[in-house]
C-alpha cells in the first residue's frame, strides 16, 4: 500500500532499482569514455610497434637478430 491507501505494485520497486542503476551508470560514463580513448591510443601504439617489428624481422632473412 502507498501513503494514500492504494495498492502499490511490486514492479515499481524494480523500476526504482533500474532508475538508480541508470543514474549510477550515467555518473560513471565520462570516466568510461576517457578509458576508451586511452585504450584506443594504446592500441594504435601497439599496432605501430607490431608493424615495425614485422618489417624489421622481414628485413633480416637470416634471423641473426632476435
N, C-alpha and C. Protein backbone atom coordinates (compact mmCIF):
# COMPACT_ATOMS: atom_id res chain seq x y z
N UNK A 1 0.85 -1.19 0.00
CA UNK A 1 0.00 0.00 0.00
C UNK A 1 0.89 1.25 0.00
N UNK A 2 0.46 2.25 -0.75
CA UNK A 2 1.20 3.50 -0.74
C UNK A 2 0.64 4.40 0.36
N UNK A 3 1.12 5.63 0.42
CA UNK A 3 0.72 6.52 1.52
C UNK A 3 -0.73 7.00 1.41
N UNK A 4 -1.36 6.82 0.24
CA UNK A 4 -2.76 7.21 0.08
C UNK A 4 -3.69 6.06 0.44
N UNK A 5 -3.18 4.85 0.39
CA UNK A 5 -4.00 3.69 0.71
C UNK A 5 -4.24 2.81 -0.49
N UNK A 6 -3.71 3.20 -1.64
CA UNK A 6 -3.85 2.37 -2.83
C UNK A 6 -2.78 1.29 -2.83
N UNK A 7 -3.12 0.20 -3.48
CA UNK A 7 -2.14 -0.87 -3.56
C UNK A 7 -1.03 -0.46 -4.52
N UNK A 8 0.18 -0.80 -4.14
CA UNK A 8 1.36 -0.46 -4.94
C UNK A 8 1.93 -1.73 -5.52
N UNK A 9 2.15 -1.73 -6.82
CA UNK A 9 2.68 -2.91 -7.49
C UNK A 9 4.15 -3.10 -7.11
N UNK A 10 4.57 -4.35 -6.89
CA UNK A 10 5.98 -4.60 -6.58
C UNK A 10 6.89 -4.31 -7.77
N UNK A 11 6.32 -4.17 -8.96
CA UNK A 11 7.12 -3.85 -10.13
C UNK A 11 7.68 -2.42 -10.06
N UNK A 12 7.03 -1.56 -9.26
CA UNK A 12 7.58 -0.21 -9.08
C UNK A 12 8.92 -0.26 -8.38
N UNK A 13 9.10 -1.22 -7.49
CA UNK A 13 10.40 -1.36 -6.82
C UNK A 13 11.48 -1.73 -7.83
N UNK A 14 11.12 -2.58 -8.78
CA UNK A 14 12.06 -2.96 -9.83
C UNK A 14 12.39 -1.73 -10.68
N UNK A 15 11.37 -0.93 -11.00
CA UNK A 15 11.59 0.29 -11.79
C UNK A 15 12.50 1.27 -11.06
N UNK A 16 12.30 1.43 -9.76
CA UNK A 16 13.14 2.34 -8.98
C UNK A 16 14.58 1.84 -8.94
N UNK A 17 14.76 0.53 -8.84
CA UNK A 17 16.12 -0.03 -8.85
C UNK A 17 16.79 0.21 -10.19
N UNK A 18 16.02 0.07 -11.27
CA UNK A 18 16.57 0.33 -12.60
C UNK A 18 16.94 1.79 -12.78
N UNK A 19 16.10 2.68 -12.28
CA UNK A 19 16.39 4.11 -12.37
C UNK A 19 17.65 4.46 -11.58
N UNK A 20 17.81 3.86 -10.41
CA UNK A 20 19.02 4.09 -9.61
C UNK A 20 20.26 3.59 -10.33
N UNK A 21 20.14 2.43 -10.96
CA UNK A 21 21.27 1.87 -11.70
C UNK A 21 21.62 2.74 -12.90
N UNK A 22 20.61 3.24 -13.60
CA UNK A 22 20.84 4.13 -14.74
C UNK A 22 21.54 5.41 -14.30
N UNK A 23 21.13 5.95 -13.18
CA UNK A 23 21.77 7.17 -12.67
C UNK A 23 23.22 6.91 -12.31
N UNK A 24 23.48 5.76 -11.69
CA UNK A 24 24.86 5.41 -11.31
C UNK A 24 25.72 5.23 -12.56
N UNK A 25 25.17 4.55 -13.57
CA UNK A 25 25.92 4.35 -14.81
C UNK A 25 26.15 5.67 -15.54
N UNK A 26 25.18 6.56 -15.47
CA UNK A 26 25.32 7.88 -16.10
C UNK A 26 26.44 8.69 -15.47
N UNK A 27 26.66 8.52 -14.18
CA UNK A 27 27.73 9.24 -13.50
C UNK A 27 29.10 8.68 -13.87
N UNK A 28 29.19 7.39 -14.16
CA UNK A 28 30.48 6.80 -14.48
C UNK A 28 30.79 6.86 -15.97
N UNK A 29 29.85 7.33 -16.77
CA UNK A 29 30.03 7.38 -18.22
C UNK A 29 31.22 8.23 -18.66
N UNK A 30 31.45 9.43 -18.14
CA UNK A 30 32.63 10.20 -18.57
C UNK A 30 33.95 9.49 -18.28
N UNK A 31 34.02 8.81 -17.16
CA UNK A 31 35.24 8.07 -16.83
C UNK A 31 35.46 6.94 -17.82
N UNK A 32 34.38 6.26 -18.19
CA UNK A 32 34.50 5.16 -19.14
C UNK A 32 34.88 5.65 -20.53
N UNK A 33 34.37 6.82 -20.93
CA UNK A 33 34.73 7.38 -22.22
C UNK A 33 36.21 7.75 -22.25
N UNK A 34 36.73 8.28 -21.16
CA UNK A 34 38.15 8.58 -21.07
C UNK A 34 38.99 7.32 -21.15
N UNK A 35 38.53 6.27 -20.52
CA UNK A 35 39.23 4.98 -20.56
C UNK A 35 39.24 4.43 -21.99
N UNK A 36 38.14 4.60 -22.71
CA UNK A 36 38.08 4.13 -24.10
C UNK A 36 39.10 4.86 -24.95
N UNK A 37 39.20 6.16 -24.79
CA UNK A 37 40.17 6.93 -25.58
C UNK A 37 41.60 6.52 -25.25
N UNK A 38 41.88 6.28 -23.98
CA UNK A 38 43.21 5.85 -23.58
C UNK A 38 43.54 4.49 -24.18
N UNK A 39 42.59 3.58 -24.16
CA UNK A 39 42.80 2.25 -24.74
C UNK A 39 42.97 2.31 -26.26
N UNK A 40 42.22 3.20 -26.91
CA UNK A 40 42.37 3.35 -28.36
C UNK A 40 43.78 3.82 -28.71
N UNK A 41 44.29 4.79 -27.96
CA UNK A 41 45.62 5.30 -28.25
C UNK A 41 46.69 4.24 -27.98
N UNK A 42 46.52 3.45 -26.92
CA UNK A 42 47.49 2.39 -26.66
C UNK A 42 47.40 1.28 -27.71
N UNK A 43 46.20 1.04 -28.25
CA UNK A 43 46.04 0.06 -29.32
C UNK A 43 46.76 0.52 -30.58
N UNK A 44 46.63 1.79 -30.93
CA UNK A 44 47.31 2.33 -32.10
C UNK A 44 48.82 2.21 -31.93
N UNK A 45 49.32 2.51 -30.75
CA UNK A 45 50.76 2.40 -30.48
C UNK A 45 51.22 0.95 -30.59
N UNK A 46 50.45 0.03 -30.07
CA UNK A 46 50.81 -1.39 -30.13
C UNK A 46 50.81 -1.88 -31.58
N UNK A 47 49.85 -1.41 -32.38
CA UNK A 47 49.81 -1.80 -33.79
C UNK A 47 51.03 -1.26 -34.53
N UNK A 48 51.44 -0.05 -34.22
CA UNK A 48 52.64 0.52 -34.85
C UNK A 48 53.87 -0.29 -34.49
N UNK A 49 54.00 -0.63 -33.22
CA UNK A 49 55.15 -1.42 -32.78
C UNK A 49 55.17 -2.78 -33.46
N UNK A 50 54.00 -3.38 -33.60
CA UNK A 50 53.91 -4.68 -34.25
C UNK A 50 54.33 -4.59 -35.71
N UNK A 51 53.88 -3.56 -36.42
CA UNK A 51 54.27 -3.37 -37.82
C UNK A 51 55.77 -3.14 -37.94
N UNK A 52 56.33 -2.36 -37.04
CA UNK A 52 57.77 -2.09 -37.07
C UNK A 52 58.55 -3.38 -36.85
N UNK A 53 58.13 -4.18 -35.88
CA UNK A 53 58.83 -5.43 -35.59
C UNK A 53 58.72 -6.41 -36.76
N UNK A 54 57.56 -6.50 -37.38
CA UNK A 54 57.42 -7.42 -38.51
C UNK A 54 58.24 -6.94 -39.70
N UNK A 55 58.31 -5.64 -39.93
CA UNK A 55 59.14 -5.11 -41.02
C UNK A 55 60.61 -5.34 -40.73
N UNK A 56 61.00 -5.16 -39.47
CA UNK A 56 62.40 -5.37 -39.09
C UNK A 56 62.79 -6.84 -39.25
N UNK A 57 61.90 -7.74 -38.85
CA UNK A 57 62.19 -9.17 -38.97
C UNK A 57 62.20 -9.61 -40.42
N UNK A 58 61.36 -9.03 -41.26
CA UNK A 58 61.37 -9.42 -42.67
C UNK A 58 62.60 -8.88 -43.39
N UNK A 59 63.20 -7.82 -42.87
CA UNK A 59 64.42 -7.27 -43.46
C UNK A 59 65.64 -8.08 -43.05
N UNK A 60 65.49 -8.99 -42.12
CA UNK A 60 66.59 -9.84 -41.63
C UNK A 60 66.27 -11.30 -41.98
N UNK A 61 66.50 -11.69 -43.24
CA UNK A 61 66.10 -13.03 -43.69
C UNK A 61 66.88 -14.15 -42.99
N UNK A 62 68.06 -13.87 -42.49
CA UNK A 62 68.85 -14.90 -41.83
C UNK A 62 68.53 -15.02 -40.35
N UNK A 63 67.68 -14.16 -39.85
CA UNK A 63 67.26 -14.17 -38.45
C UNK A 63 68.46 -14.12 -37.50
N UNK A 64 69.40 -13.24 -37.80
CA UNK A 64 70.57 -13.10 -36.94
C UNK A 64 70.28 -12.25 -35.71
N UNK A 65 69.24 -11.44 -35.79
CA UNK A 65 68.87 -10.59 -34.66
C UNK A 65 67.56 -11.14 -34.08
N UNK A 66 67.56 -11.42 -32.80
CA UNK A 66 66.34 -11.96 -32.19
C UNK A 66 65.37 -10.88 -31.82
